[in-house]
């Protein structure tokens, strides 16, 4: 059985890349451009990919292909419908980020809420030496206790964020669906969350109905000028409108780990504001603690071994 791993470089170098225990041929590439996918998987039985797209044409050109395992939770890089039509099992990874993403979310929240970036830059620039007293007050500092966090997305990650928030003494509001006439028990109407939240954090997949979930109309309804945190998917927040909201003071700051296009295009609007102390942009690494990535890889191998035994796991 031939196993092809298309993009090993998308998994951190600290991760031990274990292999399935059954006899197999292993072929590994650091990166695979979309144009080269078909050639690299044409005689593969199993394909592992994280971000290398496996589309209909590539699948059609791989007659031996029996399984595709995505080294991630999101599987939009796979033509799932065509794979199913061909009888190919597609599996993904779940639950590995239950600690790393919420921790990164709060790292961004703490840094912005307490102006850590701005104060650090001031100290580097010599402002402390020029202050002539033990401290100075060039940026706002706000506690998290007794503030309100609006969580958009009530899955595993959203609930984990809620547990941390409650431990910090915050009020938690889970946002209902945008435009919904009725709200599920335990959720708060979408627009009420926009109005009441001091912090808004996103933890949901990108789908046609969630694209541009937050745009300029939503920003103008945010009465408390909240922080906007996105460690979920680029495209949930309209990036041009986010810059407008920052420029007009509609929000207090933004912490983003994801963009609509990654790596960012030169004309991405957020690149025009990344030098501001109330903006933090990290390169899609919220998921990438060493512990989380090792767990992710263990799941990849487990899915392959389960498939080989005839008991596929996490099949989509």
C-alpha atoms as a PDB file:
ATOM      1  CA  UNK A   1       0.000   0.000   0.000  1.00  0.00           C
ATOM      2  CA  UNK A   2       1.440   3.351  -1.061  1.00  0.00           C
ATOM      3  CA  UNK A   3       0.892   6.349   1.229  1.00  0.00           C
ATOM      4  CA  UNK A   4       1.641   9.861  -0.070  1.00  0.00           C
ATOM      5  CA  UNK A   5       1.938  12.806   2.346  1.00  0.00           C
ATOM      6  CA  UNK A   6       1.614  15.954   0.245  1.00  0.00           C
ATOM      7  CA  UNK A   7       2.666  18.738   2.632  1.00  0.00           C
ATOM      8  CA  UNK A   8       4.764  17.699   5.615  1.00  0.00           C
ATOM      9  CA  UNK A   9       5.956  21.307   6.081  1.00  0.00           C
ATOM     10  CA  UNK A  10       2.481  22.272   7.336  1.00  0.00           C
ATOM     11  CA  UNK A  11       3.142  20.237  10.493  1.00  0.00           C
ATOM     12  CA  UNK A  12       5.666  21.735  12.928  1.00  0.00           C
ATOM     13  CA  UNK A  13       9.230  20.372  12.986  1.00  0.00           C
ATOM     14  CA  UNK A  14       8.897  19.385  16.661  1.00  0.00           C
ATOM     15  CA  UNK A  15       6.266  16.773  15.766  1.00  0.00           C
ATOM     16  CA  UNK A  16       7.406  13.156  15.484  1.00  0.00           C
ATOM     17  CA  UNK A  17       5.999  11.825  12.234  1.00  0.00           C
ATOM     18  CA  UNK A  18       5.195   8.248  13.169  1.00  0.00           C
ATOM     19  CA  UNK A  19       4.014   5.875  10.456  1.00  0.00           C
ATOM     20  CA  UNK A  20       1.389   3.131  10.265  1.00  0.00           C
ATOM     21  CA  UNK A  21       2.426  -0.237  11.629  1.00  0.00           C
ATOM     22  CA  UNK A  22       1.348  -2.281   8.606  1.00  0.00           C
ATOM     23  CA  UNK A  23       3.693  -2.759   5.597  1.00  0.00           C
ATOM     24  CA  UNK A  24       3.563   0.207   3.221  1.00  0.00           C
ATOM     25  CA  UNK A  25       5.521   2.480   0.913  1.00  0.00           C
ATOM     26  CA  UNK A  26       5.870   6.017   2.295  1.00  0.00           C
ATOM     27  CA  UNK A  27       6.367   9.057   0.049  1.00  0.00           C
ATOM     28  CA  UNK A  28       6.599  12.480   1.644  1.00  0.00           C
ATOM     29  CA  UNK A  29       6.778  15.985   0.167  1.00  0.00           C
ATOM     30  CA  UNK A  30       7.435  19.241   2.017  1.00  0.00           C
ATOM     31  CA  UNK A  31       4.972  21.188  -0.119  1.00  0.00           C
ATOM     32  CA  UNK A  32       2.850  20.332  -3.143  1.00  0.00           C
ATOM     33  CA  UNK A  33       1.513  23.030  -5.469  1.00  0.00           C
ATOM     34  CA  UNK A  34      -1.986  22.322  -6.736  1.00  0.00           C
ATOM     35  CA  UNK A  35      -0.659  21.810 -10.262  1.00  0.00           C
ATOM     36  CA  UNK A  36       1.513  18.902  -9.064  1.00  0.00           C
ATOM     37  CA  UNK A  37      -1.031  17.049  -6.918  1.00  0.00           C
ATOM     38  CA  UNK A  38      -2.331  14.791  -9.698  1.00  0.00           C
ATOM     39  CA  UNK A  39       1.121  13.563 -10.673  1.00  0.00           C
ATOM     40  CA  UNK A  40       2.142  12.902  -7.087  1.00  0.00           C
ATOM     41  CA  UNK A  41      -0.927  10.871  -6.111  1.00  0.00           C
ATOM     42  CA  UNK A  42      -1.603   9.003  -9.370  1.00  0.00           C
ATOM     43  CA  UNK A  43      -0.468   5.641  -7.988  1.00  0.00           C
ATOM     44  CA  UNK A  44      -1.283   6.259  -4.307  1.00  0.00           C
ATOM     45  CA  UNK A  45      -3.610   4.114  -2.220  1.00  0.00           C
ATOM     46  CA  UNK A  46      -3.795   6.646   0.637  1.00  0.00           C
ATOM     47  CA  UNK A  47      -3.197  10.403   0.540  1.00  0.00           C
ATOM     48  CA  UNK A  48      -2.472  12.665   3.509  1.00  0.00           C
ATOM     49  CA  UNK A  49      -2.977  16.383   2.998  1.00  0.00           C
ATOM     50  CA  UNK A  50      -3.339  19.433   5.154  1.00  0.00           C
ATOM     51  CA  UNK A  51      -3.652  22.336   2.718  1.00  0.00           C
ATOM     52  CA  UNK A  52      -2.679  20.840  -0.666  1.00  0.00           C
ATOM     53  CA  UNK A  53      -5.956  20.739  -2.664  1.00  0.00           C
ATOM     54  CA  UNK A  54      -7.162  17.336  -3.863  1.00  0.00           C
ATOM     55  CA  UNK A  55      -9.787  18.172  -6.476  1.00  0.00           C
ATOM     56  CA  UNK A  56     -11.858  16.124  -8.906  1.00  0.00           C
ATOM     57  CA  UNK A  57      -9.258  16.026 -11.686  1.00  0.00           C
ATOM     58  CA  UNK A  58      -6.534  14.748  -9.347  1.00  0.00           C
ATOM     59  CA  UNK A  59      -8.841  12.141  -7.822  1.00  0.00           C
ATOM     60  CA  UNK A  60      -9.994  10.982 -11.253  1.00  0.00           C
ATOM     61  CA  UNK A  61      -6.352  10.487 -12.300  1.00  0.00           C
ATOM     62  CA  UNK A  62      -5.615   8.259  -9.275  1.00  0.00           C
ATOM     63  CA  UNK A  63      -7.318   4.904  -9.987  1.00  0.00           C
ATOM     64  CA  UNK A  64      -5.846   3.138  -6.924  1.00  0.00           C
ATOM     65  CA  UNK A  65      -6.870   5.830  -4.456  1.00  0.00           C
ATOM     66  CA  UNK A  66      -8.896   4.416  -1.576  1.00  0.00           C
ATOM     67  CA  UNK A  67      -8.527   6.953   1.241  1.00  0.00           C
ATOM     68  CA  UNK A  68      -7.765  10.643   1.793  1.00  0.00           C
ATOM     69  CA  UNK A  69      -7.050  11.770   5.319  1.00  0.00           C
ATOM     70  CA  UNK A  70      -6.964  15.483   6.063  1.00  0.00           C
ATOM     71  CA  UNK A  71      -4.445  16.507   8.721  1.00  0.00           C
ATOM     72  CA  UNK A  72      -6.869  19.181   9.912  1.00  0.00           C
ATOM     73  CA  UNK A  73     -10.494  19.604  10.926  1.00  0.00           C
ATOM     74  CA  UNK A  74     -11.528  21.626   7.889  1.00  0.00           C
ATOM     75  CA  UNK A  75     -11.824  19.601   4.680  1.00  0.00           C
ATOM     76  CA  UNK A  76     -12.659  22.233   2.069  1.00  0.00           C
ATOM     77  CA  UNK A  77      -9.415  21.338   0.239  1.00  0.00           C
ATOM     78  CA  UNK A  78     -11.017  18.018  -0.754  1.00  0.00           C
ATOM     79  CA  UNK A  79     -13.645  17.490  -3.439  1.00  0.00           C
ATOM     80  CA  UNK A  80     -15.685  15.477  -0.979  1.00  0.00           C
ATOM     81  CA  UNK A  81     -18.660  14.808  -3.253  1.00  0.00           C
ATOM     82  CA  UNK A  82     -16.498  13.384  -6.038  1.00  0.00           C
ATOM     83  CA  UNK A  83     -14.417  11.340  -3.595  1.00  0.00           C
ATOM     84  CA  UNK A  84     -17.606   9.765  -2.223  1.00  0.00           C
ATOM     85  CA  UNK A  85     -18.825   9.114  -5.745  1.00  0.00           C
ATOM     86  CA  UNK A  86     -15.610   7.161  -6.346  1.00  0.00           C
ATOM     87  CA  UNK A  87     -16.020   5.231  -3.083  1.00  0.00           C
ATOM     88  CA  UNK A  88     -13.008   6.908  -1.486  1.00  0.00           C
ATOM     89  CA  UNK A  89     -13.048   7.280   2.290  1.00  0.00           C
ATOM     90  CA  UNK A  90     -12.252  10.805   3.507  1.00  0.00           C
ATOM     91  CA  UNK A  91     -11.445  11.380   7.177  1.00  0.00           C
ATOM     92  CA  UNK A  92     -10.566  14.454   9.182  1.00  0.00           C
ATOM     93  CA  UNK A  93      -9.133  15.290  12.609  1.00  0.00           C
ATOM     94  CA  UNK A  94     -11.326  16.364  15.506  1.00  0.00           C
ATOM     95  CA  UNK A  95     -10.915  17.589  19.050  1.00  0.00           C
ATOM     96  CA  UNK A  96      -7.148  18.049  18.989  1.00  0.00           C
ATOM     97  CA  UNK A  97      -7.292  21.849  19.422  1.00  0.00           C
ATOM     98  CA  UNK A  98      -9.426  21.944  22.564  1.00  0.00           C
ATOM     99  CA  UNK A  99      -6.626  23.578  24.569  1.00  0.00           C
ATOM    100  CA  UNK A 100      -4.423  25.340  22.036  1.00  0.00           C
ATOM    101  CA  UNK A 101      -7.059  27.458  20.245  1.00  0.00           C
ATOM    102  CA  UNK A 102      -8.813  28.712  23.403  1.00  0.00           C
ATOM    103  CA  UNK A 103      -5.437  29.516  24.973  1.00  0.00           C
ATOM    104  CA  UNK A 104      -4.385  31.475  21.890  1.00  0.00           C
ATOM    105  CA  UNK A 105      -7.743  33.232  21.917  1.00  0.00           C
ATOM    106  CA  UNK A 106      -7.133  34.429  25.448  1.00  0.00           C
ATOM    107  CA  UNK A 107      -3.526  35.317  24.704  1.00  0.00           C
ATOM    108  CA  UNK A 108      -4.880  37.760  22.115  1.00  0.00           C
ATOM    109  CA  UNK A 109      -7.613  38.984  24.469  1.00  0.00           C
ATOM    110  CA  UNK A 110      -5.218  39.615  27.364  1.00  0.00           C
ATOM    111  CA  UNK A 111      -2.651  41.328  25.133  1.00  0.00           C
ATOM    112  CA  UNK A 112      -5.277  43.670  23.669  1.00  0.00           C
ATOM    113  CA  UNK A 113      -7.342  44.260  26.788  1.00  0.00           C
ATOM    114  CA  UNK A 114      -4.232  45.288  28.739  1.00  0.00           C
ATOM    115  CA  UNK A 115      -2.431  47.005  25.817  1.00  0.00           C
ATOM    116  CA  UNK A 116       0.610  44.753  26.177  1.00  0.00           C
ATOM    117  CA  UNK A 117       1.848  45.451  22.645  1.00  0.00           C
ATOM    118  CA  UNK A 118       1.565  49.222  22.985  1.00  0.00           C
ATOM    119  CA  UNK A 119       3.339  49.316  26.343  1.00  0.00           C
ATOM    120  CA  UNK A 120       6.106  47.024  25.097  1.00  0.00           C
ATOM    121  CA  UNK A 121       6.671  49.284  22.079  1.00  0.00           C
ATOM    122  CA  UNK A 122       6.771  52.347  24.348  1.00  0.00           C
ATOM    123  CA  UNK A 123       9.376  50.754  26.611  1.00  0.00           C
ATOM    124  CA  UNK A 124      11.513  49.846  23.593  1.00  0.00           C
ATOM    125  CA  UNK A 125      11.197  53.449  22.390  1.00  0.00           C
ATOM    126  CA  UNK A 126      12.487  54.765  25.744  1.00  0.00           C
ATOM    127  CA  UNK A 127       9.222  56.184  27.080  1.00  0.00           C
ATOM    128  CA  UNK A 128       9.768  54.663  30.533  1.00  0.00           C
ATOM    129  CA  UNK A 129      13.094  56.403  30.957  1.00  0.00           C
ATOM    130  CA  UNK A 130      11.478  59.711  29.945  1.00  0.00           C
ATOM    131  CA  UNK A 131       8.450  59.259  32.207  1.00  0.00           C
ATOM    132  CA  UNK A 132      10.196  60.593  35.365  1.00  0.00           C
ATOM    133  CA  UNK A 133       8.052  58.320  37.543  1.00  0.00           C
ATOM    134  CA  UNK A 134       7.586  54.628  38.223  1.00  0.00           C
ATOM    135  CA  UNK A 135       4.909  54.116  35.520  1.00  0.00           C
ATOM    136  CA  UNK A 136       3.069  55.886  32.720  1.00  0.00           C
ATOM    137  CA  UNK A 137      -0.369  55.676  31.116  1.00  0.00           C
ATOM    138  CA  UNK A 138      -0.162  55.859  27.355  1.00  0.00           C
ATOM    139  CA  UNK A 139      -2.695  53.081  26.629  1.00  0.00           C
ATOM    140  CA  UNK A 140      -5.960  51.838  28.164  1.00  0.00           C
ATOM    141  CA  UNK A 141      -5.922  48.886  30.574  1.00  0.00           C
ATOM    142  CA  UNK A 142      -9.140  46.988  31.232  1.00  0.00           C
ATOM    143  CA  UNK A 143      -9.909  44.007  33.449  1.00  0.00           C
ATOM    144  CA  UNK A 144     -11.648  40.942  32.065  1.00  0.00           C
ATOM    145  CA  UNK A 145     -13.539  40.280  35.299  1.00  0.00           C
ATOM    146  CA  UNK A 146     -17.132  41.554  35.098  1.00  0.00           C
ATOM    147  CA  UNK A 147     -16.921  42.086  31.323  1.00  0.00           C
ATOM    148  CA  UNK A 148     -19.078  40.296  28.733  1.00  0.00           C
ATOM    149  CA  UNK A 149     -17.763  37.961  26.066  1.00  0.00           C
ATOM    150  CA  UNK A 150     -19.860  37.108  23.028  1.00  0.00           C
ATOM    151  CA  UNK A 151     -19.005  33.708  21.559  1.00  0.00           C
ATOM    152  CA  UNK A 152     -20.037  32.998  17.983  1.00  0.00           C
ATOM    153  CA  UNK A 153     -19.956  29.223  17.630  1.00  0.00           C
ATOM    154  CA  UNK A 154     -21.145  26.808  20.306  1.00  0.00           C
ATOM    155  CA  UNK A 155     -19.019  23.783  19.466  1.00  0.00           C
ATOM    156  CA  UNK A 156     -16.128  22.250  21.372  1.00  0.00           C
ATOM    157  CA  UNK A 157     -13.848  25.267  21.022  1.00  0.00           C
ATOM    158  CA  UNK A 158     -16.527  27.816  21.828  1.00  0.00           C
ATOM    159  CA  UNK A 159     -17.478  25.907  24.961  1.00  0.00           C
ATOM    160  CA  UNK A 160     -13.845  25.651  26.021  1.00  0.00           C
ATOM    161  CA  UNK A 161     -13.477  29.429  25.624  1.00  0.00           C
ATOM    162  CA  UNK A 162     -16.630  29.848  27.713  1.00  0.00           C
ATOM    163  CA  UNK A 163     -15.198  27.764  30.562  1.00  0.00           C
ATOM    164  CA  UNK A 164     -12.057  29.900  30.693  1.00  0.00           C
ATOM    165  CA  UNK A 165     -14.128  33.089  30.535  1.00  0.00           C
ATOM    166  CA  UNK A 166     -16.356  31.989  33.391  1.00  0.00           C
ATOM    167  CA  UNK A 167     -13.298  31.151  35.490  1.00  0.00           C
ATOM    168  CA  UNK A 168     -12.119  34.732  34.923  1.00  0.00           C
ATOM    169  CA  UNK A 169     -15.411  36.153  36.153  1.00  0.00           C
ATOM    170  CA  UNK A 170     -16.792  37.093  32.754  1.00  0.00           C
ATOM    171  CA  UNK A 171     -20.396  36.953  31.605  1.00  0.00           C
ATOM    172  CA  UNK A 172     -20.727  34.553  28.659  1.00  0.00           C
ATOM    173  CA  UNK A 173     -23.214  35.018  25.816  1.00  0.00           C
ATOM    174  CA  UNK A 174     -23.443  32.426  23.047  1.00  0.00           C
ATOM    175  CA  UNK A 175     -24.751  34.127  19.911  1.00  0.00           C
ATOM    176  CA  UNK A 176     -27.727  32.680  18.101  1.00  0.00           C
ATOM    177  CA  UNK A 177     -27.831  32.344  14.330  1.00  0.00           C
ATOM    178  CA  UNK A 178     -27.796  35.532  12.312  1.00  0.00           C
ATOM    179  CA  UNK A 179     -31.287  36.382  11.104  1.00  0.00           C
ATOM    180  CA  UNK A 180     -32.952  33.608  13.116  1.00  0.00           C
ATOM    181  CA  UNK A 181     -36.521  34.303  14.226  1.00  0.00           C
ATOM    182  CA  UNK A 182     -36.157  31.947  17.204  1.00  0.00           C
ATOM    183  CA  UNK A 183     -33.165  31.338  19.454  1.00  0.00           C
ATOM    184  CA  UNK A 184     -32.172  27.954  20.858  1.00  0.00           C
ATOM    185  CA  UNK A 185     -32.168  27.639  24.633  1.00  0.00           C
ATOM    186  CA  UNK A 186     -28.821  28.713  26.059  1.00  0.00           C
ATOM    187  CA  UNK A 187     -28.201  31.184  23.233  1.00  0.00           C
ATOM    188  CA  UNK A 188     -28.742  34.935  22.968  1.00  0.00           C
ATOM    189  CA  UNK A 189     -30.092  36.703  19.871  1.00  0.00           C
ATOM    190  CA  UNK A 190     -27.327  37.573  17.413  1.00  0.00           C
ATOM    191  CA  UNK A 191     -27.918  41.327  17.499  1.00  0.00           C
ATOM    192  CA  UNK A 192     -28.192  41.403  21.289  1.00  0.00           C
ATOM    193  CA  UNK A 193     -24.702  39.921  21.528  1.00  0.00           C
ATOM    194  CA  UNK A 194     -23.399  42.566  19.130  1.00  0.00           C
ATOM    195  CA  UNK A 195     -24.835  45.256  21.397  1.00  0.00           C
ATOM    196  CA  UNK A 196     -23.781  43.844  24.782  1.00  0.00           C
ATOM    197  CA  UNK A 197     -20.380  42.204  24.270  1.00  0.00           C
ATOM    198  CA  UNK A 198     -17.108  43.799  25.379  1.00  0.00           C
ATOM    199  CA  UNK A 199     -15.281  41.076  23.456  1.00  0.00           C
ATOM    200  CA  UNK A 200     -16.473  39.099  20.448  1.00  0.00           C
ATOM    201  CA  UNK A 201     -14.723  35.863  19.537  1.00  0.00           C
ATOM    202  CA  UNK A 202     -15.418  33.580  16.580  1.00  0.00           C
ATOM    203  CA  UNK A 203     -15.309  29.764  16.688  1.00  0.00           C
ATOM    204  CA  UNK A 204     -17.255  28.468  13.705  1.00  0.00           C
ATOM    205  CA  UNK A 205     -16.596  27.022  10.250  1.00  0.00           C
ATOM    206  CA  UNK A 206     -16.628  29.114   7.096  1.00  0.00           C
ATOM    207  CA  UNK A 207     -19.708  28.282   5.028  1.00  0.00           C
ATOM    208  CA  UNK A 208     -21.723  30.268   2.497  1.00  0.00           C
ATOM    209  CA  UNK A 209     -24.095  31.305   5.289  1.00  0.00           C
ATOM    210  CA  UNK A 210     -21.270  32.414   7.611  1.00  0.00           C
ATOM    211  CA  UNK A 211     -19.108  34.279   5.086  1.00  0.00           C
ATOM    212  CA  UNK A 212     -18.971  37.974   6.030  1.00  0.00           C
ATOM    213  CA  UNK A 213     -20.950  37.134   9.159  1.00  0.00           C
ATOM    214  CA  UNK A 214     -19.651  40.392  10.580  1.00  0.00           C
ATOM    215  CA  UNK A 215     -19.466  43.400   8.297  1.00  0.00           C
ATOM    216  CA  UNK A 216     -19.970  47.121   8.581  1.00  0.00           C
ATOM    217  CA  UNK A 217     -23.663  46.824   9.500  1.00  0.00           C
ATOM    218  CA  UNK A 218     -22.769  44.578  12.437  1.00  0.00           C
ATOM    219  CA  UNK A 219     -19.881  46.808  13.514  1.00  0.00           C
ATOM    220  CA  UNK A 220     -22.227  49.804  13.695  1.00  0.00           C
ATOM    221  CA  UNK A 221     -24.446  47.899  16.147  1.00  0.00           C
ATOM    222  CA  UNK A 222     -21.605  47.264  18.616  1.00  0.00           C
ATOM    223  CA  UNK A 223     -22.423  49.725  21.362  1.00  0.00           C
ATOM    224  CA  UNK A 224     -19.510  48.812  23.647  1.00  0.00           C
ATOM    225  CA  UNK A 225     -16.715  49.133  21.051  1.00  0.00           C
ATOM    226  CA  UNK A 226     -15.563  45.529  21.639  1.00  0.00           C
ATOM    227  CA  UNK A 227     -12.414  43.674  20.783  1.00  0.00           C
ATOM    228  CA  UNK A 228     -12.897  41.346  17.794  1.00  0.00           C
ATOM    229  CA  UNK A 229     -11.024  38.034  17.977  1.00  0.00           C
ATOM    230  CA  UNK A 230     -10.913  35.547  15.098  1.00  0.00           C
ATOM    231  CA  UNK A 231      -9.046  32.270  15.551  1.00  0.00           C
ATOM    232  CA  UNK A 232     -11.538  30.338  13.401  1.00  0.00           C
ATOM    233  CA  UNK A 233     -11.552  31.041   9.664  1.00  0.00           C
ATOM    234  CA  UNK A 234     -10.727  33.961   7.442  1.00  0.00           C
ATOM    235  CA  UNK A 235     -13.827  35.272   5.711  1.00  0.00           C
ATOM    236  CA  UNK A 236     -16.086  35.232   8.753  1.00  0.00           C
ATOM    237  CA  UNK A 237     -15.315  38.932   9.175  1.00  0.00           C
ATOM    238  CA  UNK A 238     -15.196  41.276   6.188  1.00  0.00           C
ATOM    239  CA  UNK A 239     -11.597  42.498   6.334  1.00  0.00           C
ATOM    240  CA  UNK A 240     -12.138  45.831   4.583  1.00  0.00           C
ATOM    241  CA  UNK A 241     -15.058  46.592   6.888  1.00  0.00           C
ATOM    242  CA  UNK A 242     -12.923  45.636   9.886  1.00  0.00           C
ATOM    243  CA  UNK A 243     -10.377  48.295   8.930  1.00  0.00           C
ATOM    244  CA  UNK A 244     -13.193  50.816   8.528  1.00  0.00           C
ATOM    245  CA  UNK A 245     -14.470  49.882  11.988  1.00  0.00           C
ATOM    246  CA  UNK A 246     -10.997  50.407  13.448  1.00  0.00           C
ATOM    247  CA  UNK A 247     -10.594  53.740  11.680  1.00  0.00           C
ATOM    248  CA  UNK A 248     -13.996  54.977  12.875  1.00  0.00           C
ATOM    249  CA  UNK A 249     -13.511  53.763  16.458  1.00  0.00           C
ATOM    250  CA  UNK A 250     -16.432  51.345  16.229  1.00  0.00           C
ATOM    251  CA  UNK A 251     -14.319  48.638  17.883  1.00  0.00           C
ATOM    252  CA  UNK A 252     -11.567  48.731  20.456  1.00  0.00           C
ATOM    253  CA  UNK A 253      -9.146  46.449  18.660  1.00  0.00           C
ATOM    254  CA  UNK A 254      -8.699  43.254  16.688  1.00  0.00           C
ATOM    255  CA  UNK A 255      -6.788  40.022  17.240  1.00  0.00           C
ATOM    256  CA  UNK A 256      -6.760  37.813  14.137  1.00  0.00           C
ATOM    257  CA  UNK A 257      -5.010  34.501  13.540  1.00  0.00           C
ATOM    258  CA  UNK A 258      -6.705  33.827  10.201  1.00  0.00           C
ATOM    259  CA  UNK A 259      -7.222  35.724   6.949  1.00  0.00           C
ATOM    260  CA  UNK A 260      -9.360  35.254   3.865  1.00  0.00           C
ATOM    261  CA  UNK A 261      -6.245  34.399   1.861  1.00  0.00           C
ATOM    262  CA  UNK A 262      -3.168  32.846   3.472  1.00  0.00           C
ATOM    263  CA  UNK A 263      -0.435  33.902   3.209  1.00  0.00           C
ATOM    264  CA  UNK A 264      -1.940  37.371   2.859  1.00  0.00           C
ATOM    265  CA  UNK A 265      -1.984  39.138  -0.469  1.00  0.00           C
ATOM    266  CA  UNK A 266      -0.072  42.400  -0.627  1.00  0.00           C
ATOM    267  CA  UNK A 267      -3.338  44.339  -0.864  1.00  0.00           C
ATOM    268  CA  UNK A 268      -5.015  42.748   2.169  1.00  0.00           C
ATOM    269  CA  UNK A 269      -6.620  45.647   4.081  1.00  0.00           C
ATOM    270  CA  UNK A 270      -5.421  44.368   7.461  1.00  0.00           C
ATOM    271  CA  UNK A 271      -1.792  44.825   6.425  1.00  0.00           C
ATOM    272  CA  UNK A 272      -2.395  48.582   6.461  1.00  0.00           C
ATOM    273  CA  UNK A 273      -3.140  48.579  10.212  1.00  0.00           C
ATOM    274  CA  UNK A 274      -0.857  45.883  11.658  1.00  0.00           C
ATOM    275  CA  UNK A 275       1.490  48.465  13.171  1.00  0.00           C
ATOM    276  CA  UNK A 276      -1.241  49.779  15.469  1.00  0.00           C
ATOM    277  CA  UNK A 277      -1.005  48.819  19.147  1.00  0.00           C
ATOM    278  CA  UNK A 278      -4.628  47.644  19.208  1.00  0.00           C
ATOM    279  CA  UNK A 279      -4.174  45.214  16.304  1.00  0.00           C
ATOM    280  CA  UNK A 280      -2.479  41.822  16.553  1.00  0.00           C
ATOM    281  CA  UNK A 281      -2.123  39.525  13.567  1.00  0.00           C
ATOM    282  CA  UNK A 282      -0.639  36.039  14.061  1.00  0.00           C
ATOM    283  CA  UNK A 283       0.094  33.631  11.160  1.00  0.00           C
ATOM    284  CA  UNK A 284      -2.609  30.959  11.627  1.00  0.00           C
ATOM    285  CA  UNK A 285      -0.823  29.322  14.558  1.00  0.00           C
ATOM    286  CA  UNK A 286      -3.596  29.149  17.180  1.00  0.00           C
ATOM    287  CA  UNK A 287      -3.919  25.420  16.434  1.00  0.00           C
ATOM    288  CA  UNK A 288      -0.184  24.772  16.484  1.00  0.00           C
ATOM    289  CA  UNK A 289       1.003  24.033  20.006  1.00  0.00           C
ATOM    290  CA  UNK A 290       3.480  21.152  20.012  1.00  0.00           C
ATOM    291  CA  UNK A 291       1.054  19.090  22.075  1.00  0.00           C
ATOM    292  CA  UNK A 292      -1.889  19.717  19.752  1.00  0.00           C
ATOM    293  CA  UNK A 293       0.070  18.936  16.602  1.00  0.00           C
ATOM    294  CA  UNK A 294       1.378  15.682  18.049  1.00  0.00           C
ATOM    295  CA  UNK A 295      -2.184  14.696  18.954  1.00  0.00           C
ATOM    296  CA  UNK A 296      -3.316  15.634  15.458  1.00  0.00           C
ATOM    297  CA  UNK A 297      -0.691  13.412  13.891  1.00  0.00           C
ATOM    298  CA  UNK A 298      -1.564  10.515  16.194  1.00  0.00           C
ATOM    299  CA  UNK A 299      -5.130  10.784  14.894  1.00  0.00           C
ATOM    300  CA  UNK A 300      -3.934  10.766  11.274  1.00  0.00           C
ATOM    301  CA  UNK A 301      -2.065   7.503  11.808  1.00  0.00           C
ATOM    302  CA  UNK A 302      -4.961   6.026  13.783  1.00  0.00           C
ATOM    303  CA  UNK A 303      -7.405   6.780  10.956  1.00  0.00           C
ATOM    304  CA  UNK A 304      -5.112   5.158   8.404  1.00  0.00           C
ATOM    305  CA  UNK A 305      -4.687   2.037  10.525  1.00  0.00           C
ATOM    306  CA  UNK A 306      -8.422   1.820  11.192  1.00  0.00           C
ATOM    307  CA  UNK A 307      -9.097   2.099   7.468  1.00  0.00           C
ATOM    308  CA  UNK A 308      -6.610  -0.672   6.740  1.00  0.00           C
ATOM    309  CA  UNK A 309      -8.429  -2.872   9.290  1.00  0.00           C
ATOM    310  CA  UNK A 310     -11.751  -2.193   7.583  1.00  0.00           C
ATOM    311  CA  UNK A 311     -13.141   0.080  10.307  1.00  0.00           C
ATOM    312  CA  UNK A 312     -12.740   3.676   9.038  1.00  0.00           C
ATOM    313  CA  UNK A 313     -12.885   6.384  11.697  1.00  0.00           C
ATOM    314  CA  UNK A 314     -13.976  10.033  11.376  1.00  0.00           C
ATOM    315  CA  UNK A 315     -15.262   9.301   7.886  1.00  0.00           C
ATOM    316  CA  UNK A 316     -17.003  12.337   6.426  1.00  0.00           C
END
